[in-house]
Amino acid sequence: MNLSWLFFWRRRRLDHLHVTMFTRQGCHLCDAAWALLRREQHRHGFRLQIVDVDSDPELAARYANEVPVVTINGMVRFRGGVNEVLLRRLLRANVDQGS
């Protein structure tokens, strides 16, 4: 029985990545970004968190009109939307690095 596909799948896991999306209620761009992030999370296994900026005055001031804002391991990678091609490149780069 050939199990090489299993090793390939495990290699693609990115559980060392922590992705946070800052959002607010009624944001249609946030809904689209969240759906994309959930699909990629299912594929790659990274940790995913959602934060409502209106729950914290400091976050609301910082990200007022920029949501969705997506950070990967604390670094802002997307503001105002998530580019699917760039997201996949970022994830692929982490897979290829083996980190």
C-alpha atoms as a PDB file:
ATOM      1  CA  MET A   1       0.000   0.000   0.000  1.00  0.00           C
ATOM      2  CA  ASN A   2       1.457   3.359  -1.075  1.00  0.00           C
ATOM      3  CA  LEU A   3       1.074   6.028   1.619  1.00  0.00           C
ATOM      4  CA  SER A   4       3.220   8.729   0.003  1.00  0.00           C
ATOM      5  CA  TRP A   5       0.156  10.994  -0.300  1.00  0.00           C
ATOM      6  CA  LEU A   6      -0.147  10.939   3.494  1.00  0.00           C
ATOM      7  CA  PHE A   7       3.399  12.227   3.968  1.00  0.00           C
ATOM      8  CA  PHE A   8       2.801  14.941   1.369  1.00  0.00           C
ATOM      9  CA  TRP A   9      -0.364  16.030   3.193  1.00  0.00           C
ATOM     10  CA  ARG A  10       1.377  16.148   6.573  1.00  0.00           C
ATOM     11  CA  ARG A  11       4.253  18.174   5.113  1.00  0.00           C
ATOM     12  CA  ARG A  12       1.769  20.831   4.035  1.00  0.00           C
ATOM     13  CA  ARG A  13       0.484  21.449   7.577  1.00  0.00           C
ATOM     14  CA  LEU A  14       1.230  24.982   8.743  1.00  0.00           C
ATOM     15  CA  ASP A  15       0.227  24.736  12.380  1.00  0.00           C
ATOM     16  CA  HIS A  16       3.139  27.029  13.300  1.00  0.00           C
ATOM     17  CA  LEU A  17       1.334  29.928  11.570  1.00  0.00           C
ATOM     18  CA  HIS A  18      -1.112  32.055  13.520  1.00  0.00           C
ATOM     19  CA  VAL A  19      -3.455  34.043  11.291  1.00  0.00           C
ATOM     20  CA  THR A  20      -5.646  36.750  12.820  1.00  0.00           C
ATOM     21  CA  MET A  21      -8.351  38.638  10.973  1.00  0.00           C
ATOM     22  CA  PHE A  22      -9.551  41.943  12.396  1.00  0.00           C
ATOM     23  CA  THR A  23     -13.142  42.625  11.368  1.00  0.00           C
ATOM     24  CA  ARG A  24     -16.347  44.426  12.267  1.00  0.00           C
ATOM     25  CA  GLN A  25     -20.045  43.684  11.934  1.00  0.00           C
ATOM     26  CA  GLY A  26     -21.625  44.350   8.541  1.00  0.00           C
ATOM     27  CA  CYS A  27     -18.365  44.283   6.568  1.00  0.00           C
ATOM     28  CA  HIS A  28     -18.944  42.408   3.294  1.00  0.00           C
ATOM     29  CA  LEU A  29     -15.214  42.409   2.488  1.00  0.00           C
ATOM     30  CA  CYS A  30     -14.632  40.770   5.866  1.00  0.00           C
ATOM     31  CA  ASP A  31     -17.162  38.034   5.069  1.00  0.00           C
ATOM     32  CA  ALA A  32     -15.378  37.236   1.805  1.00  0.00           C
ATOM     33  CA  ALA A  33     -11.948  37.309   3.462  1.00  0.00           C
ATOM     34  CA  TRP A  34     -13.122  35.024   6.273  1.00  0.00           C
ATOM     35  CA  ALA A  35     -14.523  32.477   3.823  1.00  0.00           C
ATOM     36  CA  LEU A  36     -11.207  32.425   1.937  1.00  0.00           C
ATOM     37  CA  LEU A  37      -9.170  32.105   5.129  1.00  0.00           C
ATOM     38  CA  ARG A  38     -11.350  29.223   6.366  1.00  0.00           C
ATOM     39  CA  ARG A  39     -10.877  27.346   3.068  1.00  0.00           C
ATOM     40  CA  GLU A  40      -7.110  27.783   3.250  1.00  0.00           C
ATOM     41  CA  GLN A  41      -7.075  26.854   6.934  1.00  0.00           C
ATOM     42  CA  HIS A  42      -8.827  23.608   6.090  1.00  0.00           C
ATOM     43  CA  ARG A  43      -6.184  22.929   3.446  1.00  0.00           C
ATOM     44  CA  HIS A  44      -3.093  23.932   5.458  1.00  0.00           C
ATOM     45  CA  GLY A  45      -4.025  23.630   9.133  1.00  0.00           C
ATOM     46  CA  PHE A  46      -2.828  27.026  10.372  1.00  0.00           C
ATOM     47  CA  ARG A  47      -4.332  28.575  13.497  1.00  0.00           C
ATOM     48  CA  LEU A  48      -7.032  31.121  12.688  1.00  0.00           C
ATOM     49  CA  GLN A  49      -8.547  33.731  14.969  1.00  0.00           C
ATOM     50  CA  ILE A  50     -11.099  36.472  14.363  1.00  0.00           C
ATOM     51  CA  VAL A  51     -11.199  39.734  16.345  1.00  0.00           C
ATOM     52  CA  ASP A  52     -13.972  42.335  16.200  1.00  0.00           C
ATOM     53  CA  VAL A  53     -12.239  45.733  16.274  1.00  0.00           C
ATOM     54  CA  ASP A  54     -15.324  47.365  17.763  1.00  0.00           C
ATOM     55  CA  SER A  55     -14.843  45.309  20.936  1.00  0.00           C
ATOM     56  CA  ASP A  56     -11.719  47.327  21.812  1.00  0.00           C
ATOM     57  CA  PRO A  57     -11.404  51.122  21.405  1.00  0.00           C
ATOM     58  CA  GLU A  58      -7.671  50.844  20.666  1.00  0.00           C
ATOM     59  CA  LEU A  59      -8.263  48.350  17.852  1.00  0.00           C
ATOM     60  CA  ALA A  60     -11.141  50.445  16.502  1.00  0.00           C
ATOM     61  CA  ALA A  61      -8.836  53.483  16.365  1.00  0.00           C
ATOM     62  CA  ARG A  62      -5.989  51.510  14.774  1.00  0.00           C
ATOM     63  CA  TYR A  63      -7.982  49.682  12.092  1.00  0.00           C
ATOM     64  CA  ALA A  64     -10.972  52.059  11.740  1.00  0.00           C
ATOM     65  CA  ASN A  65     -11.602  51.934   7.985  1.00  0.00           C
ATOM     66  CA  GLU A  66      -9.066  49.308   6.972  1.00  0.00           C
ATOM     67  CA  VAL A  67     -10.904  46.094   7.875  1.00  0.00           C
ATOM     68  CA  PRO A  68     -10.450  43.370   7.096  1.00  0.00           C
ATOM     69  CA  VAL A  69      -6.886  43.409   8.338  1.00  0.00           C
ATOM     70  CA  VAL A  70      -5.092  40.063   8.311  1.00  0.00           C
ATOM     71  CA  THR A  71      -1.921  39.364  10.252  1.00  0.00           C
ATOM     72  CA  ILE A  72       0.261  36.292   9.950  1.00  0.00           C
ATOM     73  CA  ASN A  73       2.383  35.635  13.025  1.00  0.00           C
ATOM     74  CA  GLY A  74       1.771  39.228  14.100  1.00  0.00           C
ATOM     75  CA  MET A  75       2.787  40.884  10.825  1.00  0.00           C
ATOM     76  CA  VAL A  76       0.112  42.746   8.865  1.00  0.00           C
ATOM     77  CA  ARG A  77      -0.155  41.102   5.449  1.00  0.00           C
ATOM     78  CA  PHE A  78      -3.490  42.382   4.110  1.00  0.00           C
ATOM     79  CA  ARG A  79      -5.594  45.522   4.642  1.00  0.00           C
ATOM     80  CA  GLY A  80      -9.025  46.153   3.166  1.00  0.00           C
ATOM     81  CA  GLY A  81      -9.271  42.705   1.615  1.00  0.00           C
ATOM     82  CA  VAL A  82      -7.339  39.501   1.051  1.00  0.00           C
ATOM     83  CA  ASN A  83      -5.744  38.780  -2.301  1.00  0.00           C
ATOM     84  CA  GLU A  84      -6.193  35.048  -2.850  1.00  0.00           C
ATOM     85  CA  VAL A  85      -3.121  34.694  -5.077  1.00  0.00           C
ATOM     86  CA  LEU A  86      -0.840  36.497  -2.620  1.00  0.00           C
ATOM     87  CA  LEU A  87      -2.242  34.526   0.324  1.00  0.00           C
ATOM     88  CA  ARG A  88      -1.508  31.247  -1.423  1.00  0.00           C
ATOM     89  CA  ARG A  89       2.013  32.429  -2.266  1.00  0.00           C
ATOM     90  CA  LEU A  90       2.629  33.286   1.392  1.00  0.00           C
ATOM     91  CA  LEU A  91       1.358  29.894   2.485  1.00  0.00           C
ATOM     92  CA  ARG A  92       3.336  28.076  -0.206  1.00  0.00           C
ATOM     93  CA  ALA A  93       6.499  29.917   0.850  1.00  0.00           C
ATOM     94  CA  ASN A  94       5.992  28.656   4.402  1.00  0.00           C
ATOM     95  CA  VAL A  95       5.398  25.116   3.146  1.00  0.00           C
ATOM     96  CA  ASP A  96       8.535  25.252   0.967  1.00  0.00           C
ATOM     97  CA  GLN A  97      10.638  26.592   3.845  1.00  0.00           C
ATOM     98  CA  GLY A  98       9.551  23.685   5.969  1.00  0.00           C
ATOM     99  CA  SER A  99       9.295  26.007   8.954  1.00  0.00           C
END
